[in-house]
N, C-alpha and C. Protein backbone atom coordinates (compact mmCIF):
# COMPACT_ATOMS: atom_id res chain seq x y z
N MET A 1 53.51 95.72 53.68
CA MET A 1 54.48 95.55 52.63
C MET A 1 55.12 96.90 52.31
N ALA A 2 56.44 96.89 52.13
CA ALA A 2 57.19 98.11 51.87
C ALA A 2 56.92 98.62 50.46
N ASN A 3 56.82 99.94 50.36
CA ASN A 3 56.64 100.52 49.03
C ASN A 3 58.01 100.69 48.36
N ILE A 4 57.99 101.17 47.15
CA ILE A 4 59.21 101.30 46.35
C ILE A 4 60.22 102.22 47.05
N GLU A 5 59.75 103.35 47.57
CA GLU A 5 60.66 104.31 48.21
C GLU A 5 61.32 103.69 49.45
N GLU A 6 60.58 102.94 50.22
CA GLU A 6 61.15 102.29 51.41
C GLU A 6 62.20 101.25 51.01
N LYS A 7 61.92 100.51 49.97
CA LYS A 7 62.88 99.52 49.47
C LYS A 7 64.14 100.22 48.96
N TYR A 8 63.96 101.31 48.26
CA TYR A 8 65.08 102.08 47.72
C TYR A 8 65.95 102.61 48.86
N GLN A 9 65.34 103.16 49.89
CA GLN A 9 66.09 103.68 51.03
C GLN A 9 66.81 102.55 51.78
N ALA A 10 66.17 101.40 51.88
CA ALA A 10 66.80 100.25 52.54
C ALA A 10 68.01 99.77 51.74
N LEU A 11 67.88 99.79 50.43
CA LEU A 11 69.01 99.39 49.57
C LEU A 11 70.17 100.36 49.73
N LEU A 12 69.90 101.66 49.75
CA LEU A 12 70.96 102.65 49.95
C LEU A 12 71.65 102.46 51.30
N LYS A 13 70.87 102.17 52.32
CA LYS A 13 71.43 101.93 53.65
C LYS A 13 72.34 100.69 53.62
N ASP A 14 71.88 99.64 52.96
CA ASP A 14 72.70 98.42 52.85
C ASP A 14 73.99 98.69 52.07
N LEU A 15 73.91 99.50 51.03
CA LEU A 15 75.10 99.85 50.27
C LEU A 15 76.09 100.65 51.12
N GLN A 16 75.56 101.54 51.96
CA GLN A 16 76.43 102.30 52.86
C GLN A 16 77.15 101.36 53.83
N GLU A 17 76.42 100.41 54.37
CA GLU A 17 77.03 99.43 55.28
C GLU A 17 78.07 98.57 54.56
N LEU A 18 77.79 98.22 53.31
CA LEU A 18 78.73 97.44 52.52
C LEU A 18 80.02 98.24 52.28
N ALA A 19 79.88 99.52 51.97
CA ALA A 19 81.06 100.36 51.73
C ALA A 19 81.92 100.45 53.00
N VAL A 20 81.29 100.62 54.13
CA VAL A 20 82.03 100.68 55.40
C VAL A 20 82.75 99.36 55.65
N TYR A 21 82.07 98.26 55.41
CA TYR A 21 82.67 96.93 55.58
C TYR A 21 83.88 96.75 54.67
N LEU A 22 83.73 97.10 53.40
CA LEU A 22 84.81 96.91 52.43
C LEU A 22 86.03 97.74 52.80
N HIS A 23 85.82 98.98 53.19
CA HIS A 23 86.95 99.82 53.59
C HIS A 23 87.58 99.30 54.88
N GLY A 24 86.76 98.79 55.78
CA GLY A 24 87.29 98.20 57.01
C GLY A 24 88.16 96.98 56.72
N ARG A 25 87.70 96.15 55.80
CA ARG A 25 88.51 94.98 55.40
C ARG A 25 89.82 95.43 54.78
N GLY A 26 89.77 96.47 53.98
CA GLY A 26 90.99 97.00 53.39
C GLY A 26 91.98 97.47 54.44
N ASP A 27 91.47 98.16 55.45
CA ASP A 27 92.33 98.65 56.53
C ASP A 27 92.94 97.50 57.33
N LYS A 28 92.13 96.48 57.62
CA LYS A 28 92.64 95.32 58.37
C LYS A 28 93.69 94.56 57.56
N THR A 29 93.46 94.45 56.27
CA THR A 29 94.42 93.75 55.42
C THR A 29 95.73 94.52 55.33
N LEU A 30 95.65 95.84 55.29
CA LEU A 30 96.86 96.66 55.29
C LEU A 30 97.64 96.47 56.58
N ALA A 31 96.94 96.42 57.71
CA ALA A 31 97.61 96.22 59.00
C ALA A 31 98.34 94.87 59.02
N LEU A 32 97.71 93.83 58.49
CA LEU A 32 98.36 92.52 58.42
C LEU A 32 99.58 92.57 57.50
N SER A 33 99.45 93.26 56.39
CA SER A 33 100.57 93.40 55.46
C SER A 33 101.76 94.05 56.16
N GLN A 34 101.49 95.07 56.93
CA GLN A 34 102.55 95.76 57.65
C GLN A 34 103.19 94.88 58.72
N GLN A 35 102.38 94.02 59.35
CA GLN A 35 102.93 93.09 60.34
C GLN A 35 103.88 92.10 59.68
N PHE A 36 103.50 91.56 58.54
CA PHE A 36 104.38 90.63 57.83
C PHE A 36 105.66 91.34 57.38
N SER A 37 105.52 92.56 56.92
CA SER A 37 106.68 93.32 56.47
C SER A 37 107.64 93.57 57.63
N ALA A 38 107.10 93.92 58.78
CA ALA A 38 107.94 94.14 59.97
C ALA A 38 108.60 92.84 60.41
N ASN A 39 107.86 91.75 60.35
CA ASN A 39 108.41 90.46 60.74
C ASN A 39 109.54 90.02 59.79
N ALA A 40 109.44 90.40 58.54
CA ALA A 40 110.48 90.06 57.56
C ALA A 40 111.81 90.69 57.97
N GLN A 41 111.75 91.86 58.59
CA GLN A 41 112.97 92.52 59.03
C GLN A 41 113.56 91.86 60.27
N LYS A 42 112.70 91.28 61.09
CA LYS A 42 113.14 90.68 62.36
C LYS A 42 113.64 89.25 62.20
N ASP A 43 113.02 88.50 61.31
CA ASP A 43 113.30 87.07 61.19
C ASP A 43 113.78 86.73 59.78
N PRO A 44 115.10 86.71 59.58
CA PRO A 44 115.62 86.43 58.24
C PRO A 44 115.28 85.04 57.73
N GLY A 45 115.04 84.09 58.62
CA GLY A 45 114.73 82.73 58.21
C GLY A 45 113.42 82.62 57.45
N ASN A 46 112.48 83.49 57.76
CA ASN A 46 111.18 83.48 57.09
C ASN A 46 110.99 84.71 56.20
N ARG A 47 112.06 85.38 55.90
CA ARG A 47 111.99 86.65 55.19
C ARG A 47 111.22 86.55 53.86
N ASP A 48 111.55 85.59 53.04
CA ASP A 48 110.88 85.47 51.74
C ASP A 48 109.38 85.23 51.90
N PHE A 49 109.02 84.33 52.81
CA PHE A 49 107.61 84.05 53.06
C PHE A 49 106.89 85.31 53.53
N ASP A 50 107.49 85.99 54.51
CA ASP A 50 106.85 87.19 55.06
C ASP A 50 106.70 88.29 54.01
N LEU A 51 107.71 88.47 53.19
CA LEU A 51 107.62 89.49 52.14
C LEU A 51 106.55 89.14 51.11
N ASN A 52 106.46 87.86 50.75
CA ASN A 52 105.41 87.44 49.81
C ASN A 52 104.02 87.66 50.40
N GLN A 53 103.86 87.32 51.68
CA GLN A 53 102.56 87.53 52.35
C GLN A 53 102.24 89.02 52.39
N SER A 54 103.25 89.81 52.70
CA SER A 54 103.05 91.26 52.78
C SER A 54 102.59 91.82 51.43
N ARG A 55 103.23 91.40 50.36
CA ARG A 55 102.85 91.87 49.01
C ARG A 55 101.44 91.43 48.65
N MET A 56 101.12 90.17 48.94
CA MET A 56 99.78 89.67 48.63
C MET A 56 98.71 90.45 49.40
N LEU A 57 98.96 90.66 50.69
CA LEU A 57 97.99 91.38 51.51
C LEU A 57 97.88 92.85 51.11
N ASP A 58 98.99 93.44 50.70
CA ASP A 58 98.94 94.83 50.24
C ASP A 58 98.10 94.93 48.97
N TYR A 59 98.25 93.96 48.09
CA TYR A 59 97.43 93.92 46.88
C TYR A 59 95.94 93.80 47.25
N GLN A 60 95.65 92.89 48.19
CA GLN A 60 94.26 92.72 48.63
C GLN A 60 93.72 94.01 49.24
N HIS A 61 94.57 94.70 49.99
CA HIS A 61 94.17 95.98 50.59
C HIS A 61 93.68 96.94 49.52
N HIS A 62 94.43 97.03 48.43
CA HIS A 62 94.03 97.93 47.35
C HIS A 62 92.73 97.46 46.68
N ILE A 63 92.57 96.18 46.53
CA ILE A 63 91.34 95.65 45.91
C ILE A 63 90.11 95.94 46.78
N TRP A 64 90.21 95.70 48.09
CA TRP A 64 89.09 95.98 48.99
C TRP A 64 88.68 97.45 48.88
N HIS A 65 89.67 98.34 48.90
CA HIS A 65 89.35 99.77 48.81
C HIS A 65 88.82 100.15 47.43
N GLU A 66 89.32 99.53 46.39
CA GLU A 66 88.82 99.82 45.05
C GLU A 66 87.35 99.45 44.93
N ILE A 67 86.98 98.29 45.45
CA ILE A 67 85.57 97.88 45.42
C ILE A 67 84.74 98.82 46.30
N GLY A 68 85.26 99.15 47.47
CA GLY A 68 84.56 100.08 48.36
C GLY A 68 84.35 101.43 47.71
N ASN A 69 85.35 101.91 46.98
CA ASN A 69 85.23 103.18 46.28
C ASN A 69 84.17 103.12 45.19
N LYS A 70 84.06 101.99 44.53
CA LYS A 70 83.03 101.82 43.49
C LYS A 70 81.64 101.88 44.14
N VAL A 71 81.48 101.24 45.28
CA VAL A 71 80.19 101.30 45.99
C VAL A 71 79.91 102.73 46.42
N ASP A 72 80.93 103.44 46.89
CA ASP A 72 80.76 104.85 47.27
C ASP A 72 80.29 105.68 46.07
N GLN A 73 80.87 105.43 44.90
CA GLN A 73 80.46 106.15 43.69
C GLN A 73 78.98 105.89 43.37
N LEU A 74 78.58 104.63 43.50
CA LEU A 74 77.17 104.30 43.24
C LEU A 74 76.25 105.01 44.22
N LEU A 75 76.66 105.04 45.49
CA LEU A 75 75.85 105.72 46.49
C LEU A 75 75.69 107.20 46.15
N LYS A 76 76.79 107.85 45.80
CA LYS A 76 76.71 109.28 45.45
C LYS A 76 75.81 109.49 44.26
N LEU A 77 75.91 108.62 43.28
CA LEU A 77 75.08 108.74 42.09
C LEU A 77 73.60 108.64 42.43
N TYR A 78 73.22 107.64 43.22
CA TYR A 78 71.81 107.41 43.49
C TYR A 78 71.27 108.26 44.62
N GLU A 79 72.12 108.80 45.48
CA GLU A 79 71.62 109.68 46.52
C GLU A 79 71.22 111.05 45.96
N ARG A 80 71.82 111.42 44.82
CA ARG A 80 71.48 112.68 44.17
C ARG A 80 70.10 112.63 43.51
N GLN A 81 69.65 111.45 43.20
CA GLN A 81 68.39 111.31 42.46
C GLN A 81 67.19 111.39 43.38
């Protein structure tokens, strides 16, 4: 059975992996946002839809990174202890 220190280290490792995942999702969402934005310039027939998708995905991009940054802050706080 794992002791407290082993559990604590495992939790920190999981938080690090979560932060990487969240930032990765943010980056992927930004790439999709940029694709919709570029498509809006190419296809005027779907311009409104593409621009709305781009705005929504850009918002999500910021949210993913904001959550990831919060996890990073927690990691820094608890790694110092």
